[in-house]
């Protein structure tokens, strides 16, 4: 995706469609990223608005940019898609999870069967039937919420298969597993906006009813997935993804008024 920079609000001149970058970012932009005049980047001042900008000139101390247009939430989410890895929940709960996450902008949903998953597929055809049903729900929810893109509902896989696919993907993703045990990090520490911008995508790992087993949490941690707590209460599986997704969207500046 495009490189993103945070602009000090005092260096933002919306009226004249200009802004300036000062400080250590100048060296990073010029010497490390090797960006030059004419290159497009996105900028924000932390107030929830992001702009497409073009570099006009680079001096040793300051970079001058021109603001071209305000970026919409869909552009932000295309650059950094959020995927839900969801422990398959019972019955209509899974339908609801697919529908609501779609309304809120999820890019993909990976149903995963885990140790505590109650739902079992008797045949491969059975799994495919379920996948088609969830995909149809995602299609309908996309239309209804006027989304420009439709999330992909992946075929159900085991936790081990999903971890293996993650190893092969080579993308730098921020991968967060919701976990109510004390070993989890605070969300605020994991989600510094500057840090979010370094990833090509985000994954939310949500367990089924009963959560992930201690063994699964260990496997996830070994694969580099971070455990995060979602507050003092135990959340139901169908609530957890929406809580985490809301926080992510807010931090990414997607929920601006």
Protein backbone atom coordinates (compact mmCIF):
# COMPACT_ATOMS: atom_id res chain seq x y z
CA UNK A 1 0.00 0.00 0.00
CA UNK A 2 0.77 3.68 0.09
CA UNK A 3 3.10 5.12 2.73
CA UNK A 4 1.31 6.96 5.51
CA UNK A 5 2.55 9.90 7.58
CA UNK A 6 1.23 11.67 10.67
CA UNK A 7 1.32 15.43 10.34
CA UNK A 8 1.60 17.78 13.30
CA UNK A 9 -1.75 19.67 13.30
CA UNK A 10 0.18 22.96 13.29
CA UNK A 11 1.74 21.96 9.94
CA UNK A 12 -1.63 21.24 8.29
CA UNK A 13 -3.09 23.99 6.12
CA UNK A 14 -6.38 22.60 4.82
CA UNK A 15 -7.50 25.94 3.39
CA UNK A 16 -4.60 26.16 0.97
CA UNK A 17 -4.44 22.36 0.55
CA UNK A 18 -0.90 22.13 1.86
CA UNK A 19 0.96 20.46 4.67
CA UNK A 20 4.52 20.00 5.87
CA UNK A 21 6.46 17.17 7.44
CA UNK A 22 9.25 18.11 9.87
CA UNK A 23 11.50 16.24 12.25
CA UNK A 24 12.77 12.63 12.02
CA UNK A 25 10.10 11.69 9.45
CA UNK A 26 11.94 13.81 6.86
CA UNK A 27 15.05 11.63 7.04
CA UNK A 28 12.93 8.47 7.05
CA UNK A 29 10.87 9.58 4.05
CA UNK A 30 13.85 10.68 1.99
CA UNK A 31 16.78 8.44 2.96
CA UNK A 32 15.11 5.24 4.17
CA UNK A 33 11.98 5.02 2.02
CA UNK A 34 13.69 6.92 -0.85
CA UNK A 35 10.56 8.86 -1.70
CA UNK A 36 10.91 11.77 -4.10
CA UNK A 37 8.83 14.68 -5.41
CA UNK A 38 5.77 13.55 -7.35
CA UNK A 39 5.10 10.45 -5.22
CA UNK A 40 1.66 10.00 -3.64
CA UNK A 41 1.33 9.29 0.09
CA UNK A 42 -1.50 9.44 2.61
CA UNK A 43 -1.37 11.80 5.60
CA UNK A 44 -3.42 12.44 8.71
CA UNK A 45 -3.18 14.73 11.72
CA UNK A 46 -4.72 12.28 14.18
CA UNK A 47 -8.10 14.05 14.06
CA UNK A 48 -9.74 11.22 12.16
CA UNK A 49 -9.31 12.62 8.64
CA UNK A 50 -6.94 11.19 6.08
CA UNK A 51 -5.87 12.76 2.83
CA UNK A 52 -4.25 11.64 -0.36
CA UNK A 53 -1.26 13.95 -0.84
CA UNK A 54 1.57 14.40 -3.32
CA UNK A 55 5.15 15.31 -2.36
CA UNK A 56 6.03 18.65 -3.96
CA UNK A 57 9.55 19.26 -2.61
CA UNK A 58 12.02 17.80 -0.12
CA UNK A 59 14.45 20.00 1.83
CA UNK A 60 16.87 18.71 4.50
CA UNK A 61 14.54 19.94 7.29
CA UNK A 62 11.08 19.91 5.75
CA UNK A 63 8.94 18.13 3.15
CA UNK A 64 6.22 20.13 1.39
CA UNK A 65 3.09 18.31 0.27
CA UNK A 66 -0.09 19.22 -1.54
CA UNK A 67 -3.39 17.76 -0.27
CA UNK A 68 -5.31 16.22 -3.17
CA UNK A 69 -8.45 14.67 -1.65
CA UNK A 70 -9.92 13.35 1.56
CA UNK A 71 -9.70 9.56 1.75
CA UNK A 72 -12.88 7.69 2.51
CA UNK A 73 -13.16 4.85 4.99
CA UNK A 74 -13.36 2.27 2.21
CA UNK A 75 -9.94 3.32 0.91
CA UNK A 76 -8.41 2.95 4.37
CA UNK A 77 -9.89 -0.53 4.73
CA UNK A 78 -8.76 -1.60 1.26
CA UNK A 79 -5.20 -0.66 2.20
CA UNK A 80 -5.34 -2.48 5.51
CA UNK A 81 -7.99 -5.18 5.29
CA UNK A 82 -9.25 -6.69 8.53
CA UNK A 83 -9.91 -10.43 8.55
CA UNK A 84 -11.93 -12.35 11.11
CA UNK A 85 -10.76 -15.83 12.10
CA UNK A 86 -13.90 -17.07 13.85
CA UNK A 87 -14.30 -20.27 15.85
CA UNK A 88 -17.48 -21.71 14.36
CA UNK A 89 -20.39 -20.77 16.60
CA UNK A 90 -23.67 -22.65 16.95
CA UNK A 91 -26.67 -22.18 14.64
CA UNK A 92 -27.93 -18.72 13.89
CA UNK A 93 -25.12 -17.14 15.95
CA UNK A 94 -22.66 -17.73 13.12
CA UNK A 95 -25.10 -16.16 10.63
CA UNK A 96 -25.33 -13.11 12.87
CA UNK A 97 -21.53 -12.85 13.23
CA UNK A 98 -21.10 -12.95 9.43
CA UNK A 99 -23.86 -10.38 8.89
CA UNK A 100 -22.72 -7.84 11.48
CA UNK A 101 -19.00 -8.03 10.68
CA UNK A 102 -19.87 -7.52 7.01
CA UNK A 103 -21.93 -4.43 7.85
CA UNK A 104 -18.94 -3.02 9.71
CA UNK A 105 -16.40 -3.49 6.91
CA UNK A 106 -14.66 -6.84 7.45
CA UNK A 107 -12.63 -7.97 4.39
CA UNK A 108 -12.75 -11.74 4.91
CA UNK A 109 -14.10 -14.31 7.33
CA UNK A 110 -12.33 -17.59 8.00
CA UNK A 111 -14.55 -20.07 9.90
CA UNK A 112 -12.31 -22.30 11.98
CA UNK A 113 -13.06 -25.54 13.79
CA UNK A 114 -11.32 -25.74 17.14
CA UNK A 115 -11.16 -28.04 20.15
CA UNK A 116 -14.26 -26.50 21.74
CA UNK A 117 -16.29 -26.11 18.53
CA UNK A 118 -19.65 -27.82 18.95
CA UNK A 119 -20.53 -27.67 15.24
CA UNK A 120 -19.10 -30.61 13.34
CA UNK A 121 -19.49 -31.27 9.60
CA UNK A 122 -20.53 -34.82 8.80
CA UNK A 123 -19.21 -34.61 5.22
CA UNK A 124 -17.08 -32.22 3.13
CA UNK A 125 -20.29 -31.35 1.20
CA UNK A 126 -21.87 -30.33 4.48
CA UNK A 127 -19.02 -27.84 5.10
CA UNK A 128 -19.36 -26.42 1.58
CA UNK A 129 -23.11 -25.98 2.05
CA UNK A 130 -22.48 -24.00 5.22
CA UNK A 131 -19.83 -21.88 3.50
CA UNK A 132 -22.27 -21.04 0.68
CA UNK A 133 -24.93 -20.10 3.19
CA UNK A 134 -22.56 -17.74 5.06
CA UNK A 135 -21.32 -16.25 1.78
CA UNK A 136 -24.91 -15.50 0.78
CA UNK A 137 -25.48 -13.74 4.10
CA UNK A 138 -22.32 -11.68 3.49
CA UNK A 139 -23.49 -10.80 -0.04
CA UNK A 140 -26.88 -9.63 1.23
CA UNK A 141 -25.43 -7.66 4.15
CA UNK A 142 -22.99 -5.93 1.77
CA UNK A 143 -25.84 -4.78 -0.46
CA UNK A 144 -27.90 -3.63 2.47
CA UNK A 145 -25.11 -1.63 4.08
CA UNK A 146 -24.11 -0.18 0.66
CA UNK A 147 -20.61 -1.60 0.75
CA UNK A 148 -18.49 -1.32 -2.38
CA UNK A 149 -16.87 -4.71 -1.79
CA UNK A 150 -18.14 -8.08 -0.59
CA UNK A 151 -16.14 -10.01 2.02
CA UNK A 152 -14.98 -13.50 1.17
CA UNK A 153 -16.17 -16.28 3.45
CA UNK A 154 -13.43 -18.91 3.30
CA UNK A 155 -14.09 -22.66 3.48
CA UNK A 156 -14.10 -23.90 7.10
CA UNK A 157 -10.60 -25.00 8.15
CA UNK A 158 -8.92 -26.37 11.25
CA UNK A 159 -6.87 -24.08 13.47
CA UNK A 160 -3.68 -25.83 12.34
CA UNK A 161 -4.55 -25.26 8.66
CA UNK A 162 -5.18 -21.56 9.23
CA UNK A 163 -1.88 -21.17 11.10
CA UNK A 164 -0.08 -22.95 8.25
CA UNK A 165 -1.68 -20.64 5.65
CA UNK A 166 -0.59 -17.67 7.75
CA UNK A 167 2.99 -18.93 7.72
CA UNK A 168 2.89 -19.20 3.93
CA UNK A 169 1.30 -15.80 3.25
CA UNK A 170 4.44 -13.77 4.04
CA UNK A 171 2.30 -10.64 4.66
CA UNK A 172 3.04 -8.55 7.71
CA UNK A 173 -0.26 -8.70 9.57
CA UNK A 174 -1.12 -7.61 13.06
CA UNK A 175 -2.76 -10.73 14.47
CA UNK A 176 -4.78 -10.40 17.66
CA UNK A 177 -6.41 -13.21 19.60
CA UNK A 178 -9.12 -12.25 22.08
CA UNK A 179 -8.34 -13.94 25.35
CA UNK A 180 -9.80 -13.31 28.77
CA UNK A 181 -6.87 -14.67 30.76
CA UNK A 182 -4.48 -12.31 32.56
CA UNK A 183 -1.62 -13.07 30.17
CA UNK A 184 -3.23 -10.85 27.52
CA UNK A 185 -1.83 -7.40 26.63
CA UNK A 186 -3.92 -4.28 27.02
CA UNK A 187 -5.49 -3.29 23.72
CA UNK A 188 -4.29 0.30 24.12
CA UNK A 189 -0.67 -0.87 24.19
CA UNK A 190 -1.01 -2.95 21.03
CA UNK A 191 -2.98 -0.40 19.01
CA UNK A 192 -0.87 2.70 18.75
CA UNK A 193 -2.08 4.30 15.47
CA UNK A 194 1.52 4.70 14.25
CA UNK A 195 2.08 0.98 14.78
CA UNK A 196 -1.10 0.04 12.91
CA UNK A 197 0.23 1.74 9.79
CA UNK A 198 3.17 -0.65 9.53
CA UNK A 199 0.98 -3.66 8.80
CA UNK A 200 -0.50 -4.78 5.49
CA UNK A 201 -3.53 -6.18 7.26
CA UNK A 202 -5.07 -7.13 10.57
CA UNK A 203 -6.47 -10.43 11.82
CA UNK A 204 -8.90 -10.88 14.68
CA UNK A 205 -8.91 -14.36 16.22
CA UNK A 206 -12.13 -15.07 18.12
CA UNK A 207 -12.84 -18.42 19.80
CA UNK A 208 -16.16 -20.29 19.65
CA UNK A 209 -18.41 -20.64 22.72
CA UNK A 210 -15.96 -21.75 25.37
CA UNK A 211 -13.07 -19.92 23.73
CA UNK A 212 -9.76 -21.33 22.52
CA UNK A 213 -8.19 -24.15 24.52
CA UNK A 214 -4.94 -23.42 26.42
CA UNK A 215 -3.12 -25.55 23.85
CA UNK A 216 -4.53 -23.52 20.95
CA UNK A 217 -3.55 -20.26 22.63
CA UNK A 218 -0.02 -21.61 22.99
CA UNK A 219 0.11 -22.61 19.29
CA UNK A 220 -1.15 -19.17 18.29
CA UNK A 221 1.44 -17.41 20.44
CA UNK A 222 4.20 -19.57 18.94
CA UNK A 223 2.99 -18.41 15.51
CA UNK A 224 3.45 -14.77 16.58
CA UNK A 225 -0.20 -14.00 17.31
CA UNK A 226 -0.71 -11.59 20.21
CA UNK A 227 -3.32 -12.19 22.89
CA UNK A 228 -5.38 -9.18 23.90
CA UNK A 229 -7.93 -8.71 26.65
CA UNK A 230 -11.28 -7.10 25.85
CA UNK A 231 -12.13 -5.69 29.26
CA UNK A 232 -13.21 -7.12 32.61
CA UNK A 233 -16.30 -9.01 31.46
CA UNK A 234 -16.39 -12.33 29.64
CA UNK A 235 -17.86 -11.53 26.22
CA UNK A 236 -19.95 -13.92 24.19
CA UNK A 237 -18.33 -15.12 20.98
CA UNK A 238 -20.79 -13.13 18.86
CA UNK A 239 -19.99 -9.91 20.78
CA UNK A 240 -16.21 -10.19 20.89
CA UNK A 241 -15.45 -9.65 17.19
CA UNK A 242 -17.67 -6.56 17.03
CA UNK A 243 -16.04 -5.03 20.11
CA UNK A 244 -12.55 -5.63 18.73
CA UNK A 245 -13.53 -4.51 15.22
CA UNK A 246 -15.06 -1.26 16.55
CA UNK A 247 -11.88 -0.43 18.44
CA UNK A 248 -9.70 -1.18 15.40
CA UNK A 249 -11.86 0.96 13.09
CA UNK A 250 -11.77 3.82 15.59
CA UNK A 251 -7.98 3.65 15.92
CA UNK A 252 -7.59 3.54 12.13
CA UNK A 253 -9.61 6.74 11.79
CA UNK A 254 -12.42 4.97 9.94
CA UNK A 255 -15.21 5.96 12.32
CA UNK A 256 -14.80 9.71 11.94
CA UNK A 257 -18.05 11.62 12.31
